[in-house]
Each structure stands twice: as C-alpha cells, then as structure tokens.
Amino acid sequence: MSAIKALIPGFLLSWIVSTVIGSQGSSGGVLSITHTFYQGHELYWSWPLFCGATALAWALFAMME
C-alpha cells in the first residue's frame, strides 16, 4: 500500500520541479526533462525524477508504518 500512496507525491514533485526547470529552457542535466505537447497542452516531465521521488516517498511511508 505504501507504494501506491507514494505515487501521488512522486508525481507532484516531478511535475512541479520539471515545470520550473523546463520552463527556463534547461534540460536539467541528468534529470533529462522533456518538453511534450499533449492535446494542445505543454507538459514538462522527467522519468528519472519521478522514479527517484516515488522511491523516496515509498521509503518514508514504509518507515511510518
């Protein structure tokens, strides 16, 4: 259950950080932030950041149980 709960903070952290860094024109180096268009909307996203943030949130939720 901790892994499922960790997806929400992982998504939010990735989305916010990617938007802030990506909107400045940077790719974030190792974060490899990509700029995509989805149904007319701009989206900045980073899979490495999402995986890292989800793993961190999962560890925190698991320690709280």
PDB file of N, CA and C in Angstrom:
ATOM      1  N   MET A   1       0.819  -1.186   0.000  1.00  0.00           N
ATOM      2  CA  MET A   1       0.000   0.000   0.000  1.00  0.00           C
ATOM      3  C   MET A   1       0.874   1.265   0.000  1.00  0.00           C
ATOM      4  N   SER A   2       2.041   1.163   0.615  1.00  0.00           N
ATOM      5  CA  SER A   2       2.947   2.316   0.649  1.00  0.00           C
ATOM      6  C   SER A   2       3.373   2.740  -0.750  1.00  0.00           C
ATOM      7  N   ALA A   3       3.568   1.765  -1.631  1.00  0.00           N
ATOM      8  CA  ALA A   3       3.998   2.082  -2.997  1.00  0.00           C
ATOM      9  C   ALA A   3       2.913   2.844  -3.753  1.00  0.00           C
ATOM     10  N   ILE A   4       1.672   2.475  -3.544  1.00  0.00           N
ATOM     11  CA  ILE A   4       0.579   3.159  -4.227  1.00  0.00           C
ATOM     12  C   ILE A   4       0.416   4.578  -3.683  1.00  0.00           C
ATOM     13  N   LYS A   5       0.540   4.733  -2.370  1.00  0.00           N
ATOM     14  CA  LYS A   5       0.450   6.074  -1.778  1.00  0.00           C
ATOM     15  C   LYS A   5       1.612   6.963  -2.222  1.00  0.00           C
ATOM     16  N   ALA A   6       2.754   6.369  -2.518  1.00  0.00           N
ATOM     17  CA  ALA A   6       3.945   7.133  -2.899  1.00  0.00           C
ATOM     18  C   ALA A   6       3.855   7.698  -4.303  1.00  0.00           C
ATOM     19  N   LEU A   7       2.938   7.196  -5.125  1.00  0.00           N
ATOM     20  CA  LEU A   7       2.820   7.694  -6.499  1.00  0.00           C
ATOM     21  C   LEU A   7       2.353   9.151  -6.547  1.00  0.00           C
ATOM     22  N   ILE A   8       1.498   9.551  -5.626  1.00  0.00           N
ATOM     23  CA  ILE A   8       0.976  10.928  -5.642  1.00  0.00           C
ATOM     24  C   ILE A   8       2.064  11.953  -5.344  1.00  0.00           C
ATOM     25  N   PRO A   9       2.813  11.824  -4.227  1.00  0.00           N
ATOM     26  CA  PRO A   9       3.889  12.808  -4.023  1.00  0.00           C
ATOM     27  C   PRO A   9       4.989  12.716  -5.075  1.00  0.00           C
ATOM     28  N   GLY A  10       5.249  11.515  -5.592  1.00  0.00           N
ATOM     29  CA  GLY A  10       6.241  11.368  -6.658  1.00  0.00           C
ATOM     30  C   GLY A  10       5.830  12.111  -7.908  1.00  0.00           C
ATOM     31  N   PHE A  11       4.543  12.008  -8.272  1.00  0.00           N
ATOM     32  CA  PHE A  11       4.022  12.722  -9.434  1.00  0.00           C
ATOM     33  C   PHE A  11       4.087  14.230  -9.224  1.00  0.00           C
ATOM     34  N   LEU A  12       3.624  14.685  -8.073  1.00  0.00           N
ATOM     35  CA  LEU A  12       3.592  16.129  -7.816  1.00  0.00           C
ATOM     36  C   LEU A  12       4.987  16.743  -7.805  1.00  0.00           C
ATOM     37  N   LEU A  13       5.928  16.087  -7.137  1.00  0.00           N
ATOM     38  CA  LEU A  13       7.294  16.613  -7.093  1.00  0.00           C
ATOM     39  C   LEU A  13       7.902  16.653  -8.489  1.00  0.00           C
ATOM     40  N   SER A  14       7.710  15.592  -9.272  1.00  0.00           N
ATOM     41  CA  SER A  14       8.256  15.557 -10.634  1.00  0.00           C
ATOM     42  C   SER A  14       7.647  16.639 -11.506  1.00  0.00           C
ATOM     43  N   TRP A  15       6.353  16.783 -11.432  1.00  0.00           N
ATOM     44  CA  TRP A  15       5.653  17.757 -12.261  1.00  0.00           C
ATOM     45  C   TRP A  15       6.079  19.183 -11.926  1.00  0.00           C
ATOM     46  N   ILE A  16       6.140  19.519 -10.635  1.00  0.00           N
ATOM     47  CA  ILE A  16       6.483  20.883 -10.223  1.00  0.00           C
ATOM     48  C   ILE A  16       7.939  21.208 -10.560  1.00  0.00           C
ATOM     49  N   VAL A  17       8.853  20.322 -10.192  1.00  0.00           N
ATOM     50  CA  VAL A  17      10.274  20.580 -10.448  1.00  0.00           C
ATOM     51  C   VAL A  17      10.551  20.616 -11.949  1.00  0.00           C
ATOM     52  N   SER A  18       9.974  19.694 -12.707  1.00  0.00           N
ATOM     53  CA  SER A  18      10.182  19.674 -14.155  1.00  0.00           C
ATOM     54  C   SER A  18       9.627  20.928 -14.822  1.00  0.00           C
ATOM     55  N   THR A  19       8.487  21.400 -14.348  1.00  0.00           N
ATOM     56  CA  THR A  19       7.902  22.608 -14.917  1.00  0.00           C
ATOM     57  C   THR A  19       8.770  23.824 -14.634  1.00  0.00           C
ATOM     58  N   VAL A  20       9.274  23.924 -13.419  1.00  0.00           N
ATOM     59  CA  VAL A  20      10.112  25.077 -13.060  1.00  0.00           C
ATOM     60  C   VAL A  20      11.416  25.066 -13.846  1.00  0.00           C
ATOM     61  N   ILE A  21      12.086  23.929 -13.887  1.00  0.00           N
ATOM     62  CA  ILE A  21      13.371  23.850 -14.586  1.00  0.00           C
ATOM     63  C   ILE A  21      13.181  23.889 -16.106  1.00  0.00           C
ATOM     64  N   GLY A  22      12.196  23.158 -16.612  1.00  0.00           N
ATOM     65  CA  GLY A  22      11.970  23.072 -18.056  1.00  0.00           C
ATOM     66  C   GLY A  22      11.500  24.367 -18.663  1.00  0.00           C
ATOM     67  N   SER A  23      10.716  25.147 -17.932  1.00  0.00           N
ATOM     68  CA  SER A  23      10.211  26.400 -18.495  1.00  0.00           C
ATOM     69  C   SER A  23      11.322  27.445 -18.654  1.00  0.00           C
ATOM     70  N   GLN A  24      12.441  27.236 -17.995  1.00  0.00           N
ATOM     71  CA  GLN A  24      13.578  28.136 -18.141  1.00  0.00           C
ATOM     72  C   GLN A  24      14.456  27.746 -19.325  1.00  0.00           C
ATOM     73  N   GLY A  25      14.113  26.648 -19.998  1.00  0.00           N
ATOM     74  CA  GLY A  25      14.855  26.227 -21.175  1.00  0.00           C
ATOM     75  C   GLY A  25      15.950  25.220 -20.895  1.00  0.00           C
ATOM     76  N   SER A  26      16.052  24.745 -19.679  1.00  0.00           N
ATOM     77  CA  SER A  26      17.089  23.785 -19.326  1.00  0.00           C
ATOM     78  C   SER A  26      16.547  22.367 -19.400  1.00  0.00           C
ATOM     79  N   SER A  27      17.439  21.409 -19.665  1.00  0.00           N
ATOM     80  CA  SER A  27      17.026  20.005 -19.673  1.00  0.00           C
ATOM     81  C   SER A  27      17.300  19.350 -18.332  1.00  0.00           C
ATOM     82  N   GLY A  28      17.923  20.064 -17.413  1.00  0.00           N
ATOM     83  CA  GLY A  28      18.164  19.532 -16.077  1.00  0.00           C
ATOM     84  C   GLY A  28      19.296  18.535 -15.995  1.00  0.00           C
ATOM     85  N   GLY A  29      20.108  18.432 -17.023  1.00  0.00           N
ATOM     86  CA  GLY A  29      21.250  17.523 -17.000  1.00  0.00           C
ATOM     87  C   GLY A  29      20.814  16.074 -16.894  1.00  0.00           C
ATOM     88  N   VAL A  30      21.140  15.451 -15.773  1.00  0.00           N
ATOM     89  CA  VAL A  30      20.845  14.034 -15.559  1.00  0.00           C
ATOM     90  C   VAL A  30      19.340  13.791 -15.411  1.00  0.00           C
ATOM     91  N   LEU A  31      18.563  14.818 -15.108  1.00  0.00           N
ATOM     92  CA  LEU A  31      17.113  14.663 -14.983  1.00  0.00           C
ATOM     93  C   LEU A  31      16.438  14.440 -16.322  1.00  0.00           C
ATOM     94  N   SER A  32      17.082  14.845 -17.395  1.00  0.00           N
ATOM     95  CA  SER A  32      16.583  14.724 -18.773  1.00  0.00           C
ATOM     96  C   SER A  32      15.107  15.107 -18.897  1.00  0.00           C
ATOM     97  N   ILE A  33      14.835  16.347 -18.583  1.00  0.00           N
ATOM     98  CA  ILE A  33      13.476  16.879 -18.647  1.00  0.00           C
ATOM     99  C   ILE A  33      13.084  17.044 -20.108  1.00  0.00           C
ATOM    100  N   THR A  34      11.938  16.495 -20.471  1.00  0.00           N
ATOM    101  CA  THR A  34      11.464  16.584 -21.848  1.00  0.00           C
ATOM    102  C   THR A  34      10.252  17.501 -21.921  1.00  0.00           C
ATOM    103  N   HIS A  35      10.120  18.153 -23.050  1.00  0.00           N
ATOM    104  CA  HIS A  35       9.000  19.065 -23.295  1.00  0.00           C
ATOM    105  C   HIS A  35       8.106  18.411 -24.331  1.00  0.00           C
ATOM    106  N   THR A  36       6.876  18.120 -23.952  1.00  0.00           N
ATOM    107  CA  THR A  36       5.941  17.474 -24.864  1.00  0.00           C
ATOM    108  C   THR A  36       4.648  18.266 -24.957  1.00  0.00           C
ATOM    109  N   PHE A  37       3.943  18.032 -26.026  1.00  0.00           N
ATOM    110  CA  PHE A  37       2.618  18.607 -26.208  1.00  0.00           C
ATOM    111  C   PHE A  37       1.618  17.475 -26.158  1.00  0.00           C
ATOM    112  N   TYR A  38       0.615  17.592 -25.311  1.00  0.00           N
ATOM    113  CA  TYR A  38      -0.421  16.575 -25.201  1.00  0.00           C
ATOM    114  C   TYR A  38      -1.779  17.240 -25.351  1.00  0.00           C
ATOM    115  N   GLN A  39      -2.449  16.971 -26.434  1.00  0.00           N
ATOM    116  CA  GLN A  39      -3.762  17.517 -26.748  1.00  0.00           C
ATOM    117  C   GLN A  39      -3.795  19.045 -26.610  1.00  0.00           C
ATOM    118  N   GLY A  40      -2.757  19.692 -27.127  1.00  0.00           N
ATOM    119  CA  GLY A  40      -2.692  21.145 -27.124  1.00  0.00           C
ATOM    120  C   GLY A  40      -2.139  21.759 -25.856  1.00  0.00           C
ATOM    121  N   HIS A  41      -1.723  20.950 -24.896  1.00  0.00           N
ATOM    122  CA  HIS A  41      -1.169  21.463 -23.646  1.00  0.00           C
ATOM    123  C   HIS A  41       0.320  21.141 -23.578  1.00  0.00           C
ATOM    124  N   GLU A  42       1.099  22.081 -23.049  1.00  0.00           N
ATOM    125  CA  GLU A  42       2.526  21.849 -22.861  1.00  0.00           C
ATOM    126  C   GLU A  42       2.740  21.092 -21.558  1.00  0.00           C
ATOM    127  N   LEU A  43       3.680  20.159 -21.578  1.00  0.00           N
ATOM    128  CA  LEU A  43       3.974  19.371 -20.396  1.00  0.00           C
ATOM    129  C   LEU A  43       5.471  19.138 -20.316  1.00  0.00           C
ATOM    130  N   TYR A  44       6.042  19.399 -19.160  1.00  0.00           N
ATOM    131  CA  TYR A  44       7.443  19.077 -18.895  1.00  0.00           C
ATOM    132  C   TYR A  44       7.449  17.870 -17.969  1.00  0.00           C
ATOM    133  N   TRP A  45       8.308  16.882 -18.271  1.00  0.00           N
ATOM    134  CA  TRP A  45       8.300  15.662 -17.482  1.00  0.00           C
ATOM    135  C   TRP A  45       9.690  15.063 -17.419  1.00  0.00           C
ATOM    136  N   SER A  46       9.980  14.373 -16.322  1.00  0.00           N
ATOM    137  CA  SER A  46      11.257  13.712 -16.133  1.00  0.00           C
ATOM    138  C   SER A  46      11.026  12.353 -15.474  1.00  0.00           C
ATOM    139  N   TRP A  47      11.265  11.279 -16.221  1.00  0.00           N
ATOM    140  CA  TRP A  47      11.095   9.948 -15.650  1.00  0.00           C
ATOM    141  C   TRP A  47      12.108   9.632 -14.557  1.00  0.00           C
ATOM    142  N   PRO A  48      13.397  10.005 -14.697  1.00  0.00           N
ATOM    143  CA  PRO A  48      14.327   9.723 -13.595  1.00  0.00           C
ATOM    144  C   PRO A  48      13.921  10.432 -12.295  1.00  0.00           C
ATOM    145  N   LEU A  49      13.440  11.659 -12.415  1.00  0.00           N
ATOM    146  CA  LEU A  49      12.992  12.385 -11.226  1.00  0.00           C
ATOM    147  C   LEU A  49      11.754  11.730 -10.631  1.00  0.00           C
ATOM    148  N   PHE A  50      10.823  11.276 -11.472  1.00  0.00           N
ATOM    149  CA  PHE A  50       9.623  10.604 -10.979  1.00  0.00           C
ATOM    150  C   PHE A  50       9.977   9.325 -10.226  1.00  0.00           C
ATOM    151  N   CYS A  51      10.866   8.524 -10.786  1.00  0.00           N
ATOM    152  CA  CYS A  51      11.262   7.270 -10.130  1.00  0.00           C
ATOM    153  C   CYS A  51      11.966   7.531  -8.805  1.00  0.00           C
ATOM    154  N   GLY A  52      12.855   8.519  -8.781  1.00  0.00           N
ATOM    155  CA  GLY A  52      13.565   8.851  -7.542  1.00  0.00           C
ATOM    156  C   GLY A  52      12.639   9.408  -6.474  1.00  0.00           C
ATOM    157  N   ALA A  53      11.735  10.286  -6.858  1.00  0.00           N
ATOM    158  CA  ALA A  53      10.805  10.874  -5.899  1.00  0.00           C
ATOM    159  C   ALA A  53       9.827   9.834  -5.363  1.00  0.00           C
ATOM    160  N   THR A  54       9.385   8.930  -6.225  1.00  0.00           N
ATOM    161  CA  THR A  54       8.479   7.872  -5.783  1.00  0.00           C
ATOM    162  C   THR A  54       9.190   6.915  -4.833  1.00  0.00           C
ATOM    163  N   ALA A  55      10.439   6.582  -5.124  1.00  0.00           N
ATOM    164  CA  ALA A  55      11.209   5.708  -4.230  1.00  0.00           C
ATOM    165  C   ALA A  55      11.428   6.373  -2.873  1.00  0.00           C
ATOM    166  N   LEU A  56      11.724   7.656  -2.868  1.00  0.00           N
ATOM    167  CA  LEU A  56      11.907   8.379  -1.614  1.00  0.00           C
ATOM    168  C   LEU A  56      10.615   8.425  -0.804  1.00  0.00           C
ATOM    169  N   ALA A  57       9.496   8.720  -1.454  1.00  0.00           N
ATOM    170  CA  ALA A  57       8.211   8.757  -0.768  1.00  0.00           C
ATOM    171  C   ALA A  57       7.824   7.369  -0.267  1.00  0.00           C
ATOM    172  N   TRP A  58       8.125   6.337  -1.054  1.00  0.00           N
ATOM    173  CA  TRP A  58       7.824   4.969  -0.646  1.00  0.00           C
ATOM    174  C   TRP A  58       8.597   4.619   0.624  1.00  0.00           C
ATOM    175  N   ALA A  59       9.878   4.974   0.665  1.00  0.00           N
ATOM    176  CA  ALA A  59      10.692   4.698   1.852  1.00  0.00           C
ATOM    177  C   ALA A  59      10.144   5.438   3.078  1.00  0.00           C
ATOM    178  N   LEU A  60       9.747   6.683   2.892  1.00  0.00           N
ATOM    179  CA  LEU A  60       9.201   7.447   4.015  1.00  0.00           C
ATOM    180  C   LEU A  60       7.888   6.854   4.518  1.00  0.00           C
ATOM    181  N   PHE A  61       6.998   6.486   3.603  1.00  0.00           N
ATOM    182  CA  PHE A  61       5.726   5.880   4.011  1.00  0.00           C
ATOM    183  C   PHE A  61       5.945   4.530   4.666  1.00  0.00           C
ATOM    184  N   ALA A  62       6.903   3.749   4.181  1.00  0.00           N
ATOM    185  CA  ALA A  62       7.175   2.437   4.764  1.00  0.00           C
ATOM    186  C   ALA A  62       7.739   2.563   6.179  1.00  0.00           C
ATOM    187  N   MET A  63       8.554   3.597   6.417  1.00  0.00           N
ATOM    188  CA  MET A  63       9.113   3.798   7.762  1.00  0.00           C
ATOM    189  C   MET A  63       8.057   4.277   8.758  1.00  0.00           C
ATOM    190  N   MET A  64       7.007   4.925   8.254  1.00  0.00           N
ATOM    191  CA  MET A  64       5.972   5.435   9.155  1.00  0.00           C
ATOM    192  C   MET A  64       4.993   4.348   9.597  1.00  0.00           C
ATOM    193  N   GLU A  65       5.000   3.198   8.931  1.00  0.00           N
ATOM    194  CA  GLU A  65       4.076   2.122   9.312  1.00  0.00           C
ATOM    195  C   GLU A  65       4.586   1.363  10.500  1.00  0.00           C
TER     196      GLU A  65
END
